[in-house]
Amino acid sequence: MSFDKFRIEVENQIIKLIERMDWLEQELEKKVNLEFFDLINEKRRREIKEAKR
């Protein structure tokens, strides 16, 4: 394998890794947002329950 082919292959792998990292970051952000909203909703449910007492 020539050096140029090797370099191109390495560059392609780096691009794939960066794309994968971007996707993982988006998925993590979605999960964190969902958990955050779950916590807020749970707090609201408790507050409503206590207000009814």
C-alpha atoms as a PDB file:
ATOM      1  CA  MET A   1       0.000   0.000   0.000  1.00  0.00           C
ATOM      2  CA  SER A   2       1.403   3.359  -0.980  1.00  0.00           C
ATOM      3  CA  PHE A   3       1.719   6.090   1.580  1.00  0.00           C
ATOM      4  CA  ASP A   4      -0.974   8.172  -0.156  1.00  0.00           C
ATOM      5  CA  LYS A   5      -3.464   5.308   0.000  1.00  0.00           C
ATOM      6  CA  PHE A   6      -2.589   4.771   3.640  1.00  0.00           C
ATOM      7  CA  ARG A   7      -3.022   8.479   4.413  1.00  0.00           C
ATOM      8  CA  ILE A   8      -6.398   8.576   2.653  1.00  0.00           C
ATOM      9  CA  GLU A   9      -7.542   5.488   4.574  1.00  0.00           C
ATOM     10  CA  VAL A  10      -6.476   7.048   7.880  1.00  0.00           C
ATOM     11  CA  GLU A  11      -8.263  10.297   6.996  1.00  0.00           C
ATOM     12  CA  ASN A  12     -11.427   8.348   6.136  1.00  0.00           C
ATOM     13  CA  GLN A  13     -11.284   6.502   9.458  1.00  0.00           C
ATOM     14  CA  ILE A  14     -10.841   9.793  11.316  1.00  0.00           C
ATOM     15  CA  ILE A  15     -13.879  11.237   9.511  1.00  0.00           C
ATOM     16  CA  LYS A  16     -15.932   8.158  10.467  1.00  0.00           C
ATOM     17  CA  LEU A  17     -14.847   8.504  14.096  1.00  0.00           C
ATOM     18  CA  ILE A  18     -15.772  12.176  14.177  1.00  0.00           C
ATOM     19  CA  GLU A  19     -19.193  11.414  12.671  1.00  0.00           C
ATOM     20  CA  ARG A  20     -19.715   8.670  15.252  1.00  0.00           C
ATOM     21  CA  MET A  21     -18.702  11.015  18.082  1.00  0.00           C
ATOM     22  CA  ASP A  22     -21.172  13.641  16.813  1.00  0.00           C
ATOM     23  CA  TRP A  23     -23.953  11.035  16.731  1.00  0.00           C
ATOM     24  CA  LEU A  24     -23.092   9.796  20.226  1.00  0.00           C
ATOM     25  CA  GLU A  25     -23.069  13.360  21.535  1.00  0.00           C
ATOM     26  CA  GLN A  26     -26.551  13.953  20.084  1.00  0.00           C
ATOM     27  CA  GLU A  27     -27.871  10.710  21.603  1.00  0.00           C
ATOM     28  CA  LEU A  28     -26.400  11.562  24.988  1.00  0.00           C
ATOM     29  CA  GLU A  29     -27.913  15.030  24.850  1.00  0.00           C
ATOM     30  CA  LYS A  30     -31.349  13.533  24.085  1.00  0.00           C
ATOM     31  CA  LYS A  31     -31.031  11.106  26.992  1.00  0.00           C
ATOM     32  CA  VAL A  32     -29.913  13.811  29.423  1.00  0.00           C
ATOM     33  CA  ASN A  33     -32.784  16.069  28.311  1.00  0.00           C
ATOM     34  CA  LEU A  34     -35.316  13.258  28.774  1.00  0.00           C
ATOM     35  CA  GLU A  35     -33.997  12.453  32.246  1.00  0.00           C
ATOM     36  CA  PHE A  36     -34.025  16.135  33.174  1.00  0.00           C
ATOM     37  CA  PHE A  37     -37.666  16.503  32.098  1.00  0.00           C
ATOM     38  CA  ASP A  38     -38.555  13.305  33.968  1.00  0.00           C
ATOM     39  CA  LEU A  39     -37.065  14.806  37.133  1.00  0.00           C
ATOM     40  CA  ILE A  40     -38.987  18.056  36.631  1.00  0.00           C
ATOM     41  CA  ASN A  41     -42.240  16.166  36.049  1.00  0.00           C
ATOM     42  CA  GLU A  42     -41.677  14.014  39.131  1.00  0.00           C
ATOM     43  CA  LYS A  43     -41.099  17.149  41.216  1.00  0.00           C
ATOM     44  CA  ARG A  44     -44.308  18.705  39.846  1.00  0.00           C
ATOM     45  CA  ARG A  45     -46.281  15.521  40.625  1.00  0.00           C
ATOM     46  CA  ARG A  46     -45.011  15.585  44.215  1.00  0.00           C
ATOM     47  CA  GLU A  47     -45.864  19.271  44.569  1.00  0.00           C
ATOM     48  CA  ILE A  48     -49.383  18.704  43.230  1.00  0.00           C
ATOM     49  CA  LYS A  49     -49.872  15.708  45.497  1.00  0.00           C
ATOM     50  CA  GLU A  50     -48.751  17.724  48.533  1.00  0.00           C
ATOM     51  CA  ALA A  51     -50.919  20.705  47.551  1.00  0.00           C
ATOM     52  CA  LYS A  52     -53.994  18.444  47.475  1.00  0.00           C
ATOM     53  CA  ARG A  53     -53.406  17.383  51.082  1.00  0.00           C
END
